[in-house]
PDB file of N, CA and C in Angstrom:
ATOM      1  N   MET A   1      87.484 135.708 163.995  1.00  0.00           N
ATOM      2  CA  MET A   1      87.035 136.876 164.720  1.00  0.00           C
ATOM      3  C   MET A   1      85.693 137.360 164.173  1.00  0.00           C
ATOM      4  N   ALA A   2      85.566 137.364 162.852  1.00  0.00           N
ATOM      5  CA  ALA A   2      84.324 137.852 162.254  1.00  0.00           C
ATOM      6  C   ALA A   2      83.139 136.971 162.635  1.00  0.00           C
ATOM      7  N   SER A   3      83.348 135.674 162.641  1.00  0.00           N
ATOM      8  CA  SER A   3      82.237 134.772 162.962  1.00  0.00           C
ATOM      9  C   SER A   3      81.750 134.945 164.402  1.00  0.00           C
ATOM     10  N   GLU A   4      82.602 135.446 165.274  1.00  0.00           N
ATOM     11  CA  GLU A   4      82.197 135.697 166.659  1.00  0.00           C
ATOM     12  C   GLU A   4      81.122 136.782 166.754  1.00  0.00           C
ATOM     13  N   VAL A   5      81.050 137.644 165.731  1.00  0.00           N
ATOM     14  CA  VAL A   5      80.017 138.681 165.691  1.00  0.00           C
ATOM     15  C   VAL A   5      79.045 138.436 164.530  1.00  0.00           C
ATOM     16  N   ASN A   6      78.945 137.160 164.141  1.00  0.00           N
ATOM     17  CA  ASN A   6      78.004 136.709 163.102  1.00  0.00           C
ATOM     18  C   ASN A   6      78.241 137.331 161.729  1.00  0.00           C
ATOM     19  N   LEU A   7      79.500 137.541 161.382  1.00  0.00           N
ATOM     20  CA  LEU A   7      79.862 137.965 160.033  1.00  0.00           C
ATOM     21  C   LEU A   7      80.571 136.804 159.340  1.00  0.00           C
ATOM     22  N   PHE A   8      80.219 136.595 158.064  1.00  0.00           N
ATOM     23  CA  PHE A   8      80.760 135.462 157.320  1.00  0.00           C
ATOM     24  C   PHE A   8      81.234 135.944 155.953  1.00  0.00           C
ATOM     25  N   PRO A   9      82.295 135.318 155.421  1.00  0.00           N
ATOM     26  CA  PRO A   9      82.795 135.737 154.105  1.00  0.00           C
ATOM     27  C   PRO A   9      81.764 135.462 153.016  1.00  0.00           C
ATOM     28  N   ASN A  10      81.469 136.485 152.245  1.00  0.00           N
ATOM     29  CA  ASN A  10      80.530 136.397 151.143  1.00  0.00           C
ATOM     30  C   ASN A  10      81.290 136.280 149.820  1.00  0.00           C
ATOM     31  N   ARG A  11      82.398 137.035 149.734  1.00  0.00           N
ATOM     32  CA  ARG A  11      83.254 137.040 148.558  1.00  0.00           C
ATOM     33  C   ARG A  11      84.688 137.177 149.007  1.00  0.00           C
ATOM     34  N   ILE A  12      85.586 136.434 148.371  1.00  0.00           N
ATOM     35  CA  ILE A  12      87.020 136.521 148.654  1.00  0.00           C
ATOM     36  C   ILE A  12      87.722 136.766 147.328  1.00  0.00           C
ATOM     37  N   CYS A  13      88.486 137.861 147.262  1.00  0.00           N
ATOM     38  CA  CYS A  13      89.242 138.182 146.054  1.00  0.00           C
ATOM     39  C   CYS A  13      90.723 138.074 146.383  1.00  0.00           C
ATOM     40  N   ARG A  14      91.406 137.164 145.719  1.00  0.00           N
ATOM     41  CA  ARG A  14      92.847 136.952 145.921  1.00  0.00           C
ATOM     42  C   ARG A  14      93.606 137.816 144.919  1.00  0.00           C
ATOM     43  N   VAL A  15      94.515 138.640 145.430  1.00  0.00           N
ATOM     44  CA  VAL A  15      95.210 139.633 144.609  1.00  0.00           C
ATOM     45  C   VAL A  15      96.670 139.243 144.432  1.00  0.00           C
ATOM     46  N   ARG A  16      97.122 139.309 143.189  1.00  0.00           N
ATOM     47  CA  ARG A  16      98.548 139.082 142.904  1.00  0.00           C
ATOM     48  C   ARG A  16      99.060 140.197 142.021  1.00  0.00           C
ATOM     49  N   GLY A  17     100.357 140.448 142.103  1.00  0.00           N
ATOM     50  CA  GLY A  17     100.972 141.543 141.353  1.00  0.00           C
ATOM     51  C   GLY A  17     100.881 141.352 139.860  1.00  0.00           C
ATOM     52  N   THR A  18     101.394 140.220 139.377  1.00  0.00           N
ATOM     53  CA  THR A  18     101.331 139.888 137.952  1.00  0.00           C
ATOM     54  C   THR A  18     100.899 138.442 137.807  1.00  0.00           C
ATOM     55  N   GLU A  19     100.508 138.080 136.614  1.00  0.00           N
ATOM     56  CA  GLU A  19     100.076 136.699 136.350  1.00  0.00           C
ATOM     57  C   GLU A  19     101.200 135.707 136.614  1.00  0.00           C
ATOM     58  N   THR A  20     102.440 136.157 136.444  1.00  0.00           N
ATOM     59  CA  THR A  20     103.586 135.262 136.607  1.00  0.00           C
ATOM     60  C   THR A  20     104.244 135.359 137.976  1.00  0.00           C
ATOM     61  N   SER A  21     103.648 136.128 138.900  1.00  0.00           N
ATOM     62  CA  SER A  21     104.198 136.207 140.261  1.00  0.00           C
ATOM     63  C   SER A  21     104.221 134.818 140.858  1.00  0.00           C
ATOM     64  N   ARG A  22     105.382 134.370 141.260  1.00  0.00           N
ATOM     65  CA  ARG A  22     105.530 132.999 141.767  1.00  0.00           C
ATOM     66  C   ARG A  22     106.319 132.997 143.057  1.00  0.00           C
ATOM     67  N   HIS A  23     106.002 132.029 143.885  1.00  0.00           N
ATOM     68  CA  HIS A  23     106.754 131.775 145.107  1.00  0.00           C
ATOM     69  C   HIS A  23     106.689 130.274 145.351  1.00  0.00           C
ATOM     70  N   GLY A  24     107.811 129.604 145.253  1.00  0.00           N
ATOM     71  CA  GLY A  24     107.835 128.161 145.457  1.00  0.00           C
ATOM     72  C   GLY A  24     107.032 127.399 144.420  1.00  0.00           C
ATOM     73  N   GLY A  25     106.968 127.911 143.169  1.00  0.00           N
ATOM     74  CA  GLY A  25     106.255 127.231 142.108  1.00  0.00           C
ATOM     75  C   GLY A  25     104.758 127.518 142.079  1.00  0.00           C
ATOM     76  N   GLN A  26     104.249 128.193 143.082  1.00  0.00           N
ATOM     77  CA  GLN A  26     102.824 128.519 143.151  1.00  0.00           C
ATOM     78  C   GLN A  26     102.624 130.000 142.845  1.00  0.00           C
ATOM     79  N   ALA A  27     101.460 130.335 142.277  1.00  0.00           N
ATOM     80  CA  ALA A  27     101.131 131.740 142.058  1.00  0.00           C
ATOM     81  C   ALA A  27     101.101 132.438 143.412  1.00  0.00           C
ATOM     82  N   GLU A  28     101.814 133.541 143.507  1.00  0.00           N
ATOM     83  CA  GLU A  28     101.932 134.244 144.783  1.00  0.00           C
ATOM     84  C   GLU A  28     100.862 135.324 144.907  1.00  0.00           C
ATOM     85  N   GLU A  29     100.049 135.193 145.924  1.00  0.00           N
ATOM     86  CA  GLU A  29      99.030 136.195 146.211  1.00  0.00           C
ATOM     87  C   GLU A  29      99.588 137.173 147.227  1.00  0.00           C
ATOM     88  N   LYS A  30      99.469 138.454 146.922  1.00  0.00           N
ATOM     89  CA  LYS A  30     100.002 139.493 147.799  1.00  0.00           C
ATOM     90  C   LYS A  30      99.048 139.805 148.938  1.00  0.00           C
ATOM     91  N   ARG A  31      97.752 139.715 148.669  1.00  0.00           N
ATOM     92  CA  ARG A  31      96.747 140.036 149.684  1.00  0.00           C
ATOM     93  C   ARG A  31      95.413 139.455 149.252  1.00  0.00           C
ATOM     94  N   SER A  32      94.455 139.538 150.137  1.00  0.00           N
ATOM     95  CA  SER A  32      93.084 139.138 149.828  1.00  0.00           C
ATOM     96  C   SER A  32      92.138 140.227 150.298  1.00  0.00           C
ATOM     97  N   MET A  33      91.084 140.428 149.539  1.00  0.00           N
ATOM     98  CA  MET A  33      90.018 141.335 149.939  1.00  0.00           C
ATOM     99  C   MET A  33      88.817 140.448 150.267  1.00  0.00           C
ATOM    100  N   VAL A  34      88.168 140.734 151.373  1.00  0.00           N
ATOM    101  CA  VAL A  34      87.052 139.900 151.807  1.00  0.00           C
ATOM    102  C   VAL A  34      85.823 140.769 152.032  1.00  0.00           C
ATOM    103  N   GLU A  35      84.712 140.326 151.464  1.00  0.00           N
ATOM    104  CA  GLU A  35      83.418 140.978 151.684  1.00  0.00           C
ATOM    105  C   GLU A  35      82.637 140.092 152.643  1.00  0.00           C
ATOM    106  N   PHE A  36      82.143 140.695 153.729  1.00  0.00           N
ATOM    107  CA  PHE A  36      81.412 139.949 154.746  1.00  0.00           C
ATOM    108  C   PHE A  36      79.922 140.258 154.691  1.00  0.00           C
ATOM    109  N   SER A  37      79.122 139.309 155.175  1.00  0.00           N
ATOM    110  CA  SER A  37      77.689 139.527 155.349  1.00  0.00           C
ATOM    111  C   SER A  37      77.238 138.747 156.579  1.00  0.00           C
ATOM    112  N   PHE A  38      75.998 138.962 156.975  1.00  0.00           N
ATOM    113  CA  PHE A  38      75.453 138.238 158.120  1.00  0.00           C
ATOM    114  C   PHE A  38      74.884 136.884 157.716  1.00  0.00           C
ATOM    115  N   GLU A  39      74.880 136.602 156.427  1.00  0.00           N
ATOM    116  CA  GLU A  39      74.362 135.341 155.905  1.00  0.00           C
ATOM    117  C   GLU A  39      75.514 134.354 155.720  1.00  0.00           C
ATOM    118  N   LYS A  40      75.367 133.156 156.247  1.00  0.00           N
ATOM    119  CA  LYS A  40      76.407 132.145 156.122  1.00  0.00           C
ATOM    120  C   LYS A  40      76.178 131.367 154.824  1.00  0.00           C
ATOM    121  N   ILE A  41      76.994 131.679 153.824  1.00  0.00           N
ATOM    122  CA  ILE A  41      76.903 131.028 152.517  1.00  0.00           C
ATOM    123  C   ILE A  41      78.290 130.577 152.100  1.00  0.00           C
ATOM    124  N   SER A  42      78.340 129.828 151.028  1.00  0.00           N
ATOM    125  CA  SER A  42      79.632 129.439 150.463  1.00  0.00           C
ATOM    126  C   SER A  42      80.184 130.656 149.719  1.00  0.00           C
ATOM    127  N   PRO A  43      81.353 131.163 150.117  1.00  0.00           N
ATOM    128  CA  PRO A  43      81.850 132.401 149.506  1.00  0.00           C
ATOM    129  C   PRO A  43      82.249 132.233 148.045  1.00  0.00           C
ATOM    130  N   LYS A  44      82.028 133.284 147.273  1.00  0.00           N
ATOM    131  CA  LYS A  44      82.471 133.326 145.885  1.00  0.00           C
ATOM    132  C   LYS A  44      83.955 133.673 145.899  1.00  0.00           C
ATOM    133  N   ILE A  45      84.763 132.885 145.214  1.00  0.00           N
ATOM    134  CA  ILE A  45      86.213 133.101 145.158  1.00  0.00           C
ATOM    135  C   ILE A  45      86.562 133.759 143.825  1.00  0.00           C
ATOM    136  N   GLU A  46      87.283 134.865 143.892  1.00  0.00           N
ATOM    137  CA  GLU A  46      87.705 135.598 142.696  1.00  0.00           C
ATOM    138  C   GLU A  46      89.210 135.825 142.745  1.00  0.00           C
ATOM    139  N   ASN A  47      89.786 136.125 141.592  1.00  0.00           N
ATOM    140  CA  ASN A  47      91.201 136.460 141.503  1.00  0.00           C
ATOM    141  C   ASN A  47      91.347 137.785 140.780  1.00  0.00           C
ATOM    142  N   LEU A  48      92.317 138.580 141.213  1.00  0.00           N
ATOM    143  CA  LEU A  48      92.595 139.865 140.583  1.00  0.00           C
ATOM    144  C   LEU A  48      94.093 139.971 140.365  1.00  0.00           C
ATOM    145  N   THR A  49      94.483 140.231 139.125  1.00  0.00           N
ATOM    146  CA  THR A  49      95.876 140.494 138.792  1.00  0.00           C
ATOM    147  C   THR A  49      96.014 141.986 138.553  1.00  0.00           C
ATOM    148  N   VAL A  50      97.005 142.615 139.185  1.00  0.00           N
ATOM    149  CA  VAL A  50      97.171 144.064 139.133  1.00  0.00           C
ATOM    150  C   VAL A  50      97.829 144.515 137.828  1.00  0.00           C
ATOM    151  N   GLU A  51      98.936 143.884 137.433  1.00  0.00           N
ATOM    152  CA  GLU A  51      99.700 144.332 136.265  1.00  0.00           C
ATOM    153  C   GLU A  51      99.947 143.203 135.277  1.00  0.00           C
ATOM    154  N   THR A  52     100.031 143.557 133.991  1.00  0.00           N
ATOM    155  CA  THR A  52     100.482 142.599 132.982  1.00  0.00           C
ATOM    156  C   THR A  52     102.001 142.657 132.879  1.00  0.00           C
ATOM    157  N   SER A  53     102.554 143.850 133.061  1.00  0.00           N
ATOM    158  CA  SER A  53     103.998 144.087 133.163  1.00  0.00           C
ATOM    159  C   SER A  53     104.161 145.371 133.959  1.00  0.00           C
ATOM    160  N   ARG A  54     105.387 145.741 134.249  1.00  0.00           N
ATOM    161  CA  ARG A  54     105.641 146.894 135.116  1.00  0.00           C
ATOM    162  C   ARG A  54     104.911 148.144 134.627  1.00  0.00           C
ATOM    163  N   HIS A  55     104.036 148.693 135.455  1.00  0.00           N
ATOM    164  CA  HIS A  55     103.253 149.902 135.185  1.00  0.00           C
ATOM    165  C   HIS A  55     102.247 149.751 134.040  1.00  0.00           C
ATOM    166  N   LYS A  56     101.937 148.524 133.654  1.00  0.00           N
ATOM    167  CA  LYS A  56     100.888 148.235 132.656  1.00  0.00           C
ATOM    168  C   LYS A  56      99.791 147.487 133.391  1.00  0.00           C
ATOM    169  N   TYR A  57      98.750 148.232 133.796  1.00  0.00           N
ATOM    170  CA  TYR A  57      97.721 147.695 134.676  1.00  0.00           C
ATOM    171  C   TYR A  57      96.618 146.982 133.896  1.00  0.00           C
ATOM    172  N   THR A  58      96.078 145.939 134.491  1.00  0.00           N
ATOM    173  CA  THR A  58      94.983 145.196 133.856  1.00  0.00           C
ATOM    174  C   THR A  58      93.716 146.043 133.869  1.00  0.00           C
ATOM    175  N   GLU A  59      92.831 145.789 132.926  1.00  0.00           N
ATOM    176  CA  GLU A  59      91.557 146.513 132.862  1.00  0.00           C
ATOM    177  C   GLU A  59      90.746 146.266 134.129  1.00  0.00           C
ATOM    178  N   GLU A  60      90.784 145.062 134.632  1.00  0.00           N
ATOM    179  CA  GLU A  60      90.045 144.718 135.852  1.00  0.00           C
ATOM    180  C   GLU A  60      90.517 145.576 137.032  1.00  0.00           C
ATOM    181  N   TYR A  61      91.829 145.750 137.151  1.00  0.00           N
ATOM    182  CA  TYR A  61      92.386 146.572 138.227  1.00  0.00           C
ATOM    183  C   TYR A  61      92.019 148.040 138.026  1.00  0.00           C
ATOM    184  N   LYS A  62      92.153 148.543 136.783  1.00  0.00           N
ATOM    185  CA  LYS A  62      91.826 149.941 136.502  1.00  0.00           C
ATOM    186  C   LYS A  62      90.362 150.230 136.816  1.00  0.00           C
ATOM    187  N   ASN A  63      89.480 149.308 136.490  1.00  0.00           N
ATOM    188  CA  ASN A  63      88.061 149.499 136.798  1.00  0.00           C
ATOM    189  C   ASN A  63      87.819 149.548 138.303  1.00  0.00           C
ATOM    190  N   LEU A  64      88.571 148.777 139.052  1.00  0.00           N
ATOM    191  CA  LEU A  64      88.414 148.750 140.501  1.00  0.00           C
ATOM    192  C   LEU A  64      88.864 150.053 141.156  1.00  0.00           C
ATOM    193  N   VAL A  65      89.963 150.634 140.688  1.00  0.00           N
ATOM    194  CA  VAL A  65      90.553 151.799 141.366  1.00  0.00           C
ATOM    195  C   VAL A  65      90.312 153.125 140.655  1.00  0.00           C
ATOM    196  N   ARG A  66      89.586 153.100 139.560  1.00  0.00           N
ATOM    197  CA  ARG A  66      89.379 154.282 138.712  1.00  0.00           C
ATOM    198  C   ARG A  66      88.942 155.524 139.505  1.00  0.00           C
ATOM    199  N   GLU A  67      88.041 155.377 140.448  1.00  0.00           N
ATOM    200  CA  GLU A  67      87.537 156.530 141.189  1.00  0.00           C
ATOM    201  C   GLU A  67      88.523 157.074 142.216  1.00  0.00           C
ATOM    202  N   PHE A  68      89.592 156.326 142.509  1.00  0.00           N
ATOM    203  CA  PHE A  68      90.572 156.736 143.497  1.00  0.00           C
ATOM    204  C   PHE A  68      91.815 157.365 142.880  1.00  0.00           C
ATOM    205  N   TYR A  69      92.118 157.023 141.631  1.00  0.00           N
ATOM    206  CA  TYR A  69      93.314 157.534 140.958  1.00  0.00           C
ATOM    207  C   TYR A  69      92.910 158.358 139.745  1.00  0.00           C
ATOM    208  N   LEU A  70      93.328 159.603 139.711  1.00  0.00           N
ATOM    209  CA  LEU A  70      92.951 160.488 138.606  1.00  0.00           C
ATOM    210  C   LEU A  70      93.670 160.132 137.317  1.00  0.00           C
ATOM    211  N   LYS A  71      94.902 159.642 137.402  1.00  0.00           N
ATOM    212  CA  LYS A  71      95.707 159.388 136.196  1.00  0.00           C
ATOM    213  C   LYS A  71      95.869 157.901 135.913  1.00  0.00           C
ATOM    214  N   MET A  72      94.854 157.139 136.128  1.00  0.00           N
ATOM    215  CA  MET A  72      94.946 155.684 135.908  1.00  0.00           C
ATOM    216  C   MET A  72      94.552 155.374 134.473  1.00  0.00           C
TER     217      MET A  72
END
């Protein structure tokens, strides 16, 4: 759909709950975040893990959401 209006993935971030989240032996990704641009390039692929254990958030995740959550 995006390419129909000349938008192309610039960056793709694959998000998983924990490093050990698994489904069928593969790391389970819960969602993906995609950054689009009008330039057709090979997208940069990134991974983001939300927690190390229950309610223990990774620094990478905290840096991403810091401005949205007051008690992070």
